[in-house]
Protein backbone atom coordinates (compact mmCIF):
# COMPACT_ATOMS: atom_id res chain seq x y z
CA UNK A 1 -2.86 0.06 15.37
CA UNK A 2 -3.84 -0.27 18.95
CA UNK A 3 -6.03 -3.25 19.87
CA UNK A 4 -5.40 -5.01 16.59
CA UNK A 5 -4.01 -8.50 16.78
CA UNK A 6 -0.88 -9.70 14.94
CA UNK A 7 -1.28 -10.92 11.40
CA UNK A 8 1.00 -10.39 8.32
CA UNK A 9 -0.63 -7.26 7.06
CA UNK A 10 -1.88 -3.94 8.11
CA UNK A 11 -4.97 -2.02 9.09
CA UNK A 12 -5.07 1.66 7.98
CA UNK A 13 -7.90 3.15 10.03
CA UNK A 14 -9.72 6.39 9.24
CA UNK A 15 -13.09 6.78 10.89
CA UNK A 16 -14.07 9.84 8.77
CA UNK A 17 -16.47 7.89 6.46
CA UNK A 18 -18.27 4.55 6.85
CA UNK A 19 -16.30 2.81 4.09
CA UNK A 20 -13.62 0.16 4.09
CA UNK A 21 -11.67 -1.53 1.35
CA UNK A 22 -9.98 -4.87 1.77
CA UNK A 23 -7.27 -6.74 -0.25
CA UNK A 24 -7.09 -10.05 1.45
CA UNK A 25 -5.55 -11.97 -1.45
CA UNK A 26 -3.05 -9.31 -2.54
CA UNK A 27 -0.25 -10.79 -0.55
CA UNK A 28 2.66 -13.02 -1.91
CA UNK A 29 4.53 -13.88 1.22
CA UNK A 30 5.14 -17.30 2.83
CA UNK A 31 6.65 -17.91 6.27
CA UNK A 32 10.22 -19.33 5.97
CA UNK A 33 9.12 -22.82 7.19
CA UNK A 34 6.46 -22.98 4.47
CA UNK A 35 8.56 -21.45 1.72
CA UNK A 36 11.10 -24.29 2.13
CA UNK A 37 8.32 -26.81 1.75
CA UNK A 38 6.46 -25.21 -1.19
CA UNK A 39 7.16 -26.50 -4.71
CA UNK A 40 5.30 -23.86 -6.66
CA UNK A 41 7.12 -21.17 -8.59
CA UNK A 42 6.53 -17.58 -7.86
CA UNK A 43 4.60 -17.32 -11.17
CA UNK A 44 2.29 -20.28 -10.26
CA UNK A 45 1.51 -18.64 -6.93
CA UNK A 46 1.01 -15.19 -8.38
CA UNK A 47 -1.38 -16.53 -11.01
CA UNK A 48 -3.83 -17.55 -8.28
CA UNK A 49 -3.36 -14.53 -6.05
CA UNK A 50 -4.97 -11.13 -6.62
CA UNK A 51 -2.05 -8.82 -7.35
CA UNK A 52 -2.67 -5.04 -7.51
CA UNK A 53 -5.89 -5.17 -5.47
CA UNK A 54 -3.87 -3.54 -2.66
CA UNK A 55 -3.38 -0.62 -5.03
CA UNK A 56 -7.07 -0.43 -5.77
CA UNK A 57 -7.94 -0.43 -2.02
CA UNK A 58 -6.71 3.17 -1.78
CA UNK A 59 -10.09 4.33 -2.92
CA UNK A 60 -11.11 3.93 0.77
CA UNK A 61 -9.58 5.93 3.59
CA UNK A 62 -9.67 2.72 5.82
CA UNK A 63 -8.04 -0.32 4.29
CA UNK A 64 -7.20 -3.89 5.43
CA UNK A 65 -4.16 -5.29 3.52
CA UNK A 66 -2.92 -8.89 3.86
CA UNK A 67 0.68 -9.59 2.93
CA UNK A 68 0.66 -13.32 3.44
CA UNK A 69 -0.12 -15.38 0.28
CA UNK A 70 -3.38 -17.31 0.06
CA UNK A 71 -0.99 -20.37 -0.16
CA UNK A 72 0.03 -19.73 3.45
CA UNK A 73 -3.63 -19.34 4.61
CA UNK A 74 -6.72 -18.45 2.57
CA UNK A 75 -8.74 -15.89 4.55
CA UNK A 76 -11.70 -16.18 2.08
CA UNK A 77 -12.38 -19.82 2.93
CA UNK A 78 -13.83 -21.40 6.08
CA UNK A 79 -11.28 -22.15 8.74
CA UNK A 80 -11.20 -25.95 8.24
CA UNK A 81 -10.33 -25.29 4.55
CA UNK A 82 -8.03 -22.33 4.85
CA UNK A 83 -4.82 -24.28 4.44
CA UNK A 84 -4.45 -25.98 1.05
CA UNK A 85 -3.34 -29.67 1.66
CA UNK A 86 -4.50 -31.37 -1.56
CA UNK A 87 -4.43 -30.45 -5.26
CA UNK A 88 -8.13 -30.16 -5.33
CA UNK A 89 -7.88 -27.39 -2.74
CA UNK A 90 -5.68 -25.38 -4.93
CA UNK A 91 -6.93 -25.49 -8.58
CA UNK A 92 -5.18 -28.89 -9.17
CA UNK A 93 -1.85 -27.62 -8.09
CA UNK A 94 0.49 -29.71 -5.85
CA UNK A 95 1.64 -27.13 -3.33
CA UNK A 96 3.94 -29.00 -0.92
CA UNK A 97 6.93 -31.34 -1.06
CA UNK A 98 5.28 -33.12 1.97
CA UNK A 99 2.26 -32.13 3.90
CA UNK A 100 2.84 -29.29 6.42
CA UNK A 101 3.05 -30.57 10.02
CA UNK A 102 0.13 -29.94 12.41
CA UNK A 103 2.33 -27.32 14.16
CA UNK A 104 2.76 -25.42 10.85
CA UNK A 105 -0.92 -25.62 10.07
CA UNK A 106 -1.76 -24.34 13.58
CA UNK A 107 0.58 -21.37 13.10
CA UNK A 108 -1.20 -20.57 9.91
CA UNK A 109 -4.65 -20.83 11.65
CA UNK A 110 -3.33 -18.32 14.27
CA UNK A 111 -2.99 -15.93 11.46
CA UNK A 112 -6.47 -16.67 10.29
CA UNK A 113 -7.89 -16.21 13.78
CA UNK A 114 -6.07 -12.97 14.48
CA UNK A 115 -7.14 -11.57 11.11
CA UNK A 116 -10.82 -12.18 11.75
CA UNK A 117 -10.64 -10.87 15.33
CA UNK A 118 -8.98 -7.71 13.91
CA UNK A 119 -11.77 -7.32 11.40
CA UNK A 120 -14.37 -7.71 14.11
CA UNK A 121 -12.74 -5.04 16.16
CA UNK A 122 -12.50 -2.71 13.24
CA UNK A 123 -16.18 -3.29 12.06
CA UNK A 124 -17.51 -2.86 15.56
CA UNK A 125 -15.84 0.58 15.73
CA UNK A 126 -17.47 1.78 12.53
CA UNK A 127 -20.84 0.41 13.57
CA UNK A 128 -20.64 2.14 16.94
CA UNK A 129 -19.90 5.42 15.16
CA UNK A 130 -22.03 5.28 12.05
CA UNK A 131 -24.66 2.55 12.63
CA UNK A 132 -23.50 0.72 9.45
CA UNK A 133 -20.46 0.35 7.13
CA UNK A 134 -19.80 -0.61 3.54
CA UNK A 135 -16.91 -2.82 2.63
CA UNK A 136 -15.48 -3.17 -0.89
CA UNK A 137 -13.88 -6.65 -0.80
CA UNK A 138 -11.47 -6.54 -3.78
CA UNK A 139 -10.44 -9.58 -5.69
CA UNK A 140 -9.55 -10.64 -9.31
CA UNK A 141 -10.01 -13.76 -11.29
CA UNK A 142 -8.37 -15.55 -14.23
CA UNK A 143 -9.92 -15.86 -17.61
CA UNK A 144 -7.06 -17.37 -19.67
CA UNK A 145 -6.61 -20.71 -17.93
CA UNK A 146 -5.88 -22.51 -21.17
CA UNK A 147 -2.42 -20.93 -21.35
CA UNK A 148 -0.88 -17.64 -22.41
CA UNK A 149 -1.62 -18.35 -26.10
CA UNK A 150 -5.01 -20.08 -25.53
CA UNK A 151 -8.43 -18.53 -25.95
CA UNK A 152 -9.90 -16.37 -23.29
CA UNK A 153 -12.98 -17.57 -21.38
CA UNK A 154 -16.35 -16.86 -22.92
CA UNK A 155 -17.33 -13.29 -21.93
CA UNK A 156 -20.97 -14.45 -21.58
CA UNK A 157 -20.09 -16.13 -18.28
CA UNK A 158 -17.11 -13.97 -17.32
CA UNK A 159 -17.97 -10.31 -16.89
CA UNK A 160 -15.34 -7.67 -16.46
CA UNK A 161 -16.61 -7.12 -12.91
CA UNK A 162 -18.52 -9.70 -10.90
CA UNK A 163 -20.31 -8.33 -7.90
CA UNK A 164 -20.82 -11.13 -5.32
CA UNK A 165 -23.82 -10.54 -3.12
CA UNK A 166 -24.97 -14.05 -2.32
CA UNK A 167 -25.16 -13.47 1.48
CA UNK A 168 -26.24 -9.87 1.36
CA UNK A 169 -29.53 -8.60 2.80
CA UNK A 170 -31.14 -7.46 -0.36
CA UNK A 171 -34.13 -5.85 1.33
CA UNK A 172 -31.77 -3.41 3.17
CA UNK A 173 -28.90 -3.12 0.69
CA UNK A 174 -30.43 -3.76 -2.69
CA UNK A 175 -30.61 -0.09 -3.75
CA UNK A 176 -26.96 0.40 -2.79
CA UNK A 177 -25.89 -2.59 -4.90
CA UNK A 178 -27.86 -1.32 -7.93
CA UNK A 179 -26.36 2.21 -7.47
CA UNK A 180 -22.81 0.71 -7.33
CA UNK A 181 -23.39 -1.31 -10.48
CA UNK A 182 -25.01 1.57 -12.40
CA UNK A 183 -22.20 3.96 -11.47
CA UNK A 184 -19.51 1.47 -12.48
CA UNK A 185 -21.19 0.83 -15.82
CA UNK A 186 -20.86 4.52 -16.52
CA UNK A 187 -17.08 4.25 -16.29
CA UNK A 188 -14.60 2.64 -18.70
CA UNK A 189 -11.23 0.91 -18.69
CA UNK A 190 -8.99 2.42 -21.25
CA UNK A 191 -12.05 3.75 -23.20
CA UNK A 192 -13.80 0.40 -23.00
CA UNK A 193 -17.16 0.11 -21.29
CA UNK A 194 -17.13 -2.05 -18.23
CA UNK A 195 -19.33 -5.19 -18.23
CA UNK A 196 -20.63 -5.26 -14.65
CA UNK A 197 -22.90 -8.05 -13.47
CA UNK A 198 -24.04 -9.65 -10.22
CA UNK A 199 -23.43 -13.21 -9.05
CA UNK A 200 -22.51 -14.59 -12.48
CA UNK A 201 -19.16 -15.96 -11.68
CA UNK A 202 -19.01 -15.73 -7.95
CA UNK A 203 -21.47 -15.04 -5.10
CA UNK A 204 -18.82 -13.95 -2.63
CA UNK A 205 -16.48 -15.92 -0.48
CA UNK A 206 -16.24 -16.84 3.21
CA UNK A 207 -15.13 -13.36 4.24
CA UNK A 208 -18.34 -11.60 2.98
CA UNK A 209 -20.37 -14.51 4.43
CA UNK A 210 -18.65 -14.10 7.89
CA UNK A 211 -19.21 -10.31 7.80
CA UNK A 212 -22.90 -10.70 7.06
CA UNK A 213 -23.37 -13.44 9.57
CA UNK A 214 -21.45 -11.67 12.39
CA UNK A 215 -23.16 -8.28 11.66
CA UNK A 216 -26.43 -9.25 9.86
CA UNK A 217 -27.90 -5.80 9.29
CA UNK A 218 -25.06 -3.41 9.82
CA UNK A 219 -22.34 -4.43 7.31
CA UNK A 220 -22.72 -4.35 3.58
CA UNK A 221 -19.98 -6.25 1.73
CA UNK A 222 -19.56 -6.02 -1.98
CA UNK A 223 -17.27 -8.82 -3.13
CA UNK A 224 -15.83 -7.19 -6.18
CA UNK A 225 -14.06 -9.59 -8.59
CA UNK A 226 -12.27 -7.93 -11.47
CA UNK A 227 -11.45 -10.11 -14.50
CA UNK A 228 -7.69 -9.91 -15.06
CA UNK A 229 -8.12 -7.86 -18.19
CA UNK A 230 -5.72 -5.27 -16.51
CA UNK A 231 -2.76 -7.60 -16.50
CA UNK A 232 -1.20 -10.66 -18.17
CA UNK A 233 -2.12 -13.41 -15.74
CA UNK A 234 0.68 -15.63 -17.10
CA UNK A 235 3.57 -13.09 -16.68
CA UNK A 236 2.12 -11.05 -13.83
CA UNK A 237 2.77 -7.87 -15.66
CA UNK A 238 0.16 -5.10 -15.20
CA UNK A 239 -1.25 -2.52 -17.73
CA UNK A 240 -0.74 0.73 -15.72
CA UNK A 241 -3.32 2.61 -17.76
CA UNK A 242 -5.91 -0.08 -17.12
CA UNK A 243 -5.11 -0.08 -13.34
CA UNK A 244 -5.48 3.76 -13.31
CA UNK A 245 -8.81 3.48 -15.13
CA UNK A 246 -10.05 0.84 -12.64
CA UNK A 247 -9.10 2.88 -9.64
CA UNK A 248 -10.74 6.03 -11.13
CA UNK A 249 -13.94 3.88 -11.83
CA UNK A 250 -14.13 2.58 -8.25
CA UNK A 251 -13.64 6.05 -6.93
CA UNK A 252 -16.55 7.30 -9.04
CA UNK A 253 -18.81 4.87 -7.23
CA UNK A 254 -18.03 6.13 -3.78
CA UNK A 255 -20.41 9.23 -3.53
CA UNK A 256 -23.40 7.30 -4.73
CA UNK A 257 -22.57 4.38 -2.55
CA UNK A 258 -22.28 6.57 0.63
CA UNK A 259 -25.62 8.28 -0.21
CA UNK A 260 -27.31 4.96 -0.75
CA UNK A 261 -25.89 3.75 2.65
CA UNK A 262 -27.58 6.66 4.39
CA UNK A 263 -30.91 5.74 2.69
CA UNK A 264 -30.70 2.02 3.32
CA UNK A 265 -33.66 0.56 5.15
CA UNK A 266 -35.68 3.82 4.90
């Protein structure tokens, strides 16, 4: 799109409604220089990425999709932590044969900077037209970290959907958050009621924090983390019926969310 900076992804812009969906961890690509240095298998990378969130983003006319893997640059972390260098940065995984050079790191940070500048341009356009905008920041998380045959994580601390709102202005956007949660709870995944809770597993990452800091009262980001009950996180294979149910459920939240946006702050 005109005026957007270069990053490995795409911005699909439609200024018809004040609603954007993002899939910033959907990507699986590495630059050639980094691919030759990375020791992780495709399966190891995919397990920590958020596959299929790009498909879910189609609930919004405007979408931001990132094709680079978070192992190239993690756009949901502060800039100084965006390139994984040590195992503790990457869930205990040793990512590199040898540490990327400063030149490689700087090229990854150019991607980071261009992404955030592009988001700033896009959000500014929506705010100028509508006064405010809602962002569904789509992610997923693992719940079978003990192996493909190991037990799943305790559901008590691992809801089907965690809504991260840690940096959100509750006074302005609280009714919208509650509307979203209630509408999603009315839906199901393959005839199974969806367990939707707020700030249980995650409170939202750097992306939502940046949006709320840069546009304190005009952007409402819901960091939506789906537990990977829609796929086998060890093989990467999806359940198409579950994905279809999730997309339908997200779509069902849109009318209530847009109405609540209009009423926010009144």
